[in-house]
């Protein structure tokens, strides 16, 4: 029950703009 929040955090980062290449 530690990889679940990590995945969500990664998704959030991607949405926020962590990977503009994929996000935009």
C-alpha atoms as a PDB file:
ATOM      1  CA  UNK A   1       0.000   0.000   0.000  1.00  0.00           C
ATOM      2  CA  UNK A   2       2.824   2.331  -0.875  1.00  0.00           C
ATOM      3  CA  UNK A   3       3.012   2.006  -4.636  1.00  0.00           C
ATOM      4  CA  UNK A   4      -0.601   3.155  -5.002  1.00  0.00           C
ATOM      5  CA  UNK A   5       0.022   6.757  -3.786  1.00  0.00           C
ATOM      6  CA  UNK A   6       3.271   6.763  -5.729  1.00  0.00           C
ATOM      7  CA  UNK A   7       1.437   5.967  -8.956  1.00  0.00           C
ATOM      8  CA  UNK A   8      -1.121   8.671  -8.216  1.00  0.00           C
ATOM      9  CA  UNK A   9       1.671  11.148  -7.494  1.00  0.00           C
ATOM     10  CA  UNK A  10       3.386  10.225 -10.766  1.00  0.00           C
ATOM     11  CA  UNK A  11       0.119  10.711 -12.645  1.00  0.00           C
ATOM     12  CA  UNK A  12      -0.387  14.065 -10.921  1.00  0.00           C
ATOM     13  CA  UNK A  13       3.133  15.141 -11.857  1.00  0.00           C
ATOM     14  CA  UNK A  14       2.476  14.115 -15.464  1.00  0.00           C
ATOM     15  CA  UNK A  15      -0.781  16.068 -15.494  1.00  0.00           C
ATOM     16  CA  UNK A  16       0.795  19.102 -13.817  1.00  0.00           C
ATOM     17  CA  UNK A  17       3.516  19.230 -16.455  1.00  0.00           C
ATOM     18  CA  UNK A  18       6.272  16.901 -15.267  1.00  0.00           C
ATOM     19  CA  UNK A  19       6.482  15.515 -18.818  1.00  0.00           C
ATOM     20  CA  UNK A  20       5.398  18.297 -21.199  1.00  0.00           C
ATOM     21  CA  UNK A  21       6.392  16.021 -24.083  1.00  0.00           C
ATOM     22  CA  UNK A  22       3.626  13.560 -23.243  1.00  0.00           C
ATOM     23  CA  UNK A  23       1.274  15.962 -21.486  1.00  0.00           C
ATOM     24  CA  UNK A  24       1.385  18.537 -24.267  1.00  0.00           C
END
